[in-house]
Protein backbone atom coordinates (compact mmCIF):
# COMPACT_ATOMS: atom_id res chain seq x y z
CA MET A 1 0.00 0.00 0.00
CA ASN A 2 1.59 3.25 -1.16
CA TYR A 3 0.71 6.64 0.32
CA PRO A 4 2.35 10.03 0.98
CA ALA A 5 5.29 9.57 3.34
CA PHE A 6 4.24 12.45 5.62
CA PHE A 7 1.29 10.40 6.90
CA ASP A 8 3.80 8.50 9.04
CA ASP A 9 5.15 11.74 10.53
CA ILE A 10 1.81 12.88 11.97
CA PRO A 11 1.60 12.42 15.77
CA ILE A 12 -0.39 9.36 16.80
CA ILE A 13 -3.18 9.37 19.38
CA ARG A 14 -2.71 7.08 22.40
CA LEU A 15 -5.75 5.84 24.29
CA HIS A 16 -6.85 3.54 27.10
CA ASP A 17 -9.92 1.47 26.27
CA PRO A 18 -11.34 -0.33 29.34
CA LEU A 19 -13.72 -2.42 27.23
CA SER A 20 -10.91 -3.79 25.07
CA ALA A 21 -8.91 -4.53 28.23
CA MET A 22 -11.76 -6.54 29.73
CA LEU A 23 -12.33 -8.49 26.52
CA GLY A 24 -8.64 -9.16 25.97
CA THR A 25 -8.49 -7.22 22.72
CA PHE A 26 -5.50 -5.00 23.55
CA GLU A 27 -3.16 -5.71 26.45
CA GLN A 28 -4.10 -3.45 29.36
CA GLY A 29 -6.51 -1.74 26.97
CA GLU A 30 -3.79 0.44 25.50
CA LEU A 31 -4.05 1.28 21.82
CA THR A 32 -2.84 3.82 19.30
CA ILE A 33 -4.71 5.40 16.41
CA SER A 34 -2.79 7.03 13.59
CA TYR A 35 -3.87 9.37 10.83
CA LEU A 36 -3.40 6.47 8.42
CA ASP A 37 -5.78 4.34 10.52
CA VAL A 38 -8.42 7.05 10.21
CA LEU A 39 -7.93 7.27 6.45
CA LYS A 40 -8.67 3.57 6.05
CA GLY A 41 -12.11 4.29 7.46
CA SER A 42 -12.78 7.58 5.70
CA GLY A 43 -11.28 6.43 2.40
CA HIS A 44 -9.49 9.68 1.72
CA SER A 45 -7.21 12.38 3.13
CA CYS A 46 -8.47 15.96 3.00
CA PRO A 47 -8.50 19.12 5.13
CA THR A 48 -11.80 18.04 6.72
CA VAL A 49 -10.57 14.63 7.83
CA ALA A 50 -7.29 16.21 8.91
CA GLY A 51 -9.20 18.77 10.95
CA ALA A 52 -11.24 16.11 12.74
CA TYR A 53 -8.04 14.27 13.64
CA LEU A 54 -6.45 17.51 14.85
CA MET A 55 -9.48 18.32 17.00
CA CYS A 56 -9.33 14.92 18.67
CA ASN A 57 -5.60 15.15 19.28
CA HIS A 58 -5.81 18.58 20.88
CA ALA A 59 -9.04 17.94 22.79
CA LEU A 60 -7.78 14.73 24.37
CA LYS A 61 -4.48 16.31 25.38
CA ALA A 62 -6.38 19.16 27.04
CA LEU A 63 -8.82 16.86 28.86
CA TYR A 64 -6.23 14.30 29.93
CA PRO A 65 -3.02 16.28 30.52
CA GLN A 66 -1.57 13.72 32.93
CA GLY A 67 -2.26 10.46 31.12
CA LEU A 68 -4.03 8.53 28.40
CA ALA A 69 -7.47 9.59 27.26
CA VAL A 70 -10.13 7.00 28.08
CA ARG A 71 -11.97 5.76 25.02
CA GLY A 72 -15.67 5.48 25.72
CA ASP A 73 -15.63 8.10 28.51
CA ILE A 74 -15.88 11.11 26.20
CA SER A 75 -19.05 12.76 24.91
CA VAL A 76 -19.08 15.06 21.89
CA GLN A 77 -21.53 17.80 20.92
CA PHE A 78 -21.78 19.60 17.59
CA THR A 79 -23.38 22.96 16.94
CA GLN A 80 -24.48 21.83 13.46
CA LYS A 81 -26.91 19.15 12.40
CA MET A 82 -25.35 15.89 11.30
CA GLU A 83 -26.51 16.43 7.71
CA GLU A 84 -25.14 19.97 7.56
CA GLY A 85 -21.90 20.73 5.71
CA VAL A 86 -19.06 18.34 6.55
CA THR A 87 -20.35 17.56 10.06
CA GLY A 88 -21.06 13.95 9.18
CA VAL A 89 -17.51 13.38 7.95
CA VAL A 90 -16.04 15.05 11.02
CA SER A 91 -18.29 13.12 13.40
CA ASN A 92 -17.33 9.78 11.83
CA VAL A 93 -13.64 10.45 12.46
CA ILE A 94 -14.26 11.64 16.01
CA SER A 95 -16.47 8.62 16.69
CA TYR A 96 -13.77 6.25 15.44
CA ILE A 97 -11.20 7.79 17.78
CA THR A 98 -13.25 8.45 20.92
CA GLY A 99 -15.82 5.67 20.68
CA ALA A 100 -18.67 8.16 21.07
CA THR A 101 -21.76 7.57 18.91
CA ASP A 102 -25.27 8.97 18.78
CA LYS A 103 -27.57 5.90 18.78
CA SER A 104 -25.66 3.19 16.93
CA GLY A 105 -22.97 2.49 19.52
CA PHE A 106 -22.37 -0.30 21.99
CA LYS A 107 -25.19 -0.82 24.49
CA GLY A 108 -22.82 -1.89 27.26
CA LEU A 109 -22.27 -4.82 29.61
CA GLY A 110 -24.12 -4.76 32.91
CA GLY A 111 -24.53 -1.03 32.66
CA ASN A 112 -20.84 -0.46 31.94
CA PHE A 113 -18.97 0.54 28.75
CA ILE A 114 -22.03 2.20 27.21
CA ARG A 115 -21.07 4.17 24.10
CA HIS A 116 -24.34 5.10 22.47
CA SER A 117 -25.87 8.53 23.16
CA LEU A 118 -22.41 10.05 23.71
CA MET A 119 -22.65 12.15 20.54
CA ALA A 120 -25.25 14.83 19.85
CA PHE A 121 -25.91 17.30 17.05
CA ASP A 122 -27.70 20.65 16.72
CA GLN A 123 -26.59 21.63 20.22
CA GLU A 124 -26.10 25.02 21.86
CA VAL A 125 -22.32 24.94 21.72
CA PRO A 126 -20.04 27.30 19.75
CA SER A 127 -18.36 24.62 17.63
CA VAL A 128 -17.44 21.08 18.71
CA ARG A 129 -17.40 20.31 22.43
CA PHE A 130 -15.60 17.36 24.01
CA THR A 131 -16.55 16.42 27.58
CA ARG A 132 -15.15 13.87 30.02
CA THR A 133 -18.07 11.88 31.38
CA ASP A 134 -16.28 11.20 34.68
CA THR A 135 -15.36 14.78 35.62
CA GLN A 136 -17.65 16.77 33.30
CA GLU A 137 -14.68 18.87 32.21
CA SER A 138 -15.22 20.27 28.71
CA VAL A 139 -13.26 21.95 25.96
CA ASP A 140 -14.48 23.61 22.77
CA LEU A 141 -12.51 23.05 19.56
CA PHE A 142 -12.34 25.51 16.69
CA TYR A 143 -10.83 24.54 13.33
CA GLU A 144 -10.26 27.03 10.51
CA PRO A 145 -8.90 25.20 7.43
CA ASN A 146 -8.69 28.42 5.41
CA ALA A 147 -5.79 29.42 7.64
CA VAL A 148 -3.77 27.15 5.35
CA GLU A 149 -4.66 28.19 1.82
CA ALA A 150 -4.88 25.85 -1.15
CA ASP A 151 -2.60 26.24 -4.15
CA PRO A 152 -4.61 28.24 -6.74
CA ARG A 153 -3.72 25.66 -9.37
CA GLN A 154 -5.99 23.16 -7.61
CA THR A 155 -9.15 24.91 -8.83
CA VAL A 156 -8.12 24.79 -12.48
CA LEU A 157 -7.03 21.17 -12.27
CA MET A 158 -10.21 20.11 -10.46
CA GLN A 159 -12.35 21.73 -13.15
CA ALA A 160 -10.47 19.79 -15.82
CA ILE A 161 -10.95 16.56 -13.89
CA MET A 162 -14.67 17.15 -13.31
CA GLN A 163 -15.16 17.98 -16.98
CA GLY A 164 -13.33 14.83 -18.03
CA ASN A 165 -10.62 16.79 -19.85
CA ALA A 166 -7.67 16.21 -17.51
CA THR A 167 -4.60 14.27 -18.59
CA MET A 168 -3.06 11.63 -16.35
CA GLU A 169 -0.28 14.08 -15.48
CA GLN A 170 -2.83 16.72 -14.47
CA LYS A 171 -4.68 14.21 -12.28
CA LYS A 172 -1.46 13.26 -10.53
CA GLU A 173 -0.54 16.90 -10.05
CA PHE A 174 -3.94 17.65 -8.54
CA GLY A 175 -3.52 14.82 -6.05
CA ARG A 176 -0.03 15.99 -5.19
CA LEU A 177 -1.17 19.56 -4.57
CA TRP A 178 -4.16 18.34 -2.56
CA GLN A 179 -1.99 16.28 -0.22
CA GLU A 180 0.61 19.04 -0.07
CA ARG A 181 -2.01 21.23 1.57
CA VAL A 182 -2.89 18.45 4.01
CA LYS A 183 0.81 18.16 4.81
CA ARG A 184 1.04 21.87 5.56
CA ILE A 185 -1.96 21.49 7.86
CA MET A 186 -0.76 18.39 9.68
CA ILE A 187 3.00 18.92 9.74
CA ASN A 188 3.73 22.63 9.42
CA ASN A 189 0.72 23.96 11.35
CA PHE A 190 -0.21 21.16 13.77
CA ASP A 191 -0.17 23.56 16.74
CA ASN A 192 -0.96 26.81 14.92
CA PRO A 193 -3.70 28.62 16.93
CA LYS A 194 -4.91 30.28 13.74
CA LEU A 195 -5.73 26.80 12.43
CA ILE A 196 -6.76 24.87 15.54
CA ARG A 197 -7.82 26.39 18.87
CA VAL A 198 -8.85 24.90 22.21
CA GLU A 199 -10.95 26.80 24.75
CA THR A 200 -11.73 25.47 28.20
CA VAL A 201 -15.43 25.73 29.04
């Protein structure tokens, strides 16, 4: 499987998953999720998927400054409806990482490890809010992808592709430019407050 080399340079997310520990899935319930892992689920790399990964990374660090974030003990609220804009794409990535779902998640064992109803949409929050279910500590995440501008050549190349007029070389160049922007987001601006911002509630 070939992919842009910078995917491997993006910081991974480390988690503790009590359910997987109990069921013997991962030793001591410790697991890692990489950007490449997320892409296998989403099927593509783009500024939206990158932003969702960034939000999780920064939110979990803020909520669990002294140790591993606990998968399944995090609820997530969105200001937008699930069908609005790219909210569905973002929520799928966040769900994959945190374990939080709206209604489709795990129902639990003996009242423990419940993961459904941990995600809600159309809420009175300013953006995307992550909350620890044990302490009720919350942080709001703000992501502004336009802080890292696209190469203007992308627009021309995309039009050629959509119209069916692009050459193989133009298609490859479009993909290269597209991932170059993702690289600038994930490598050059990973901690840039103009791109990604955390606010304690």
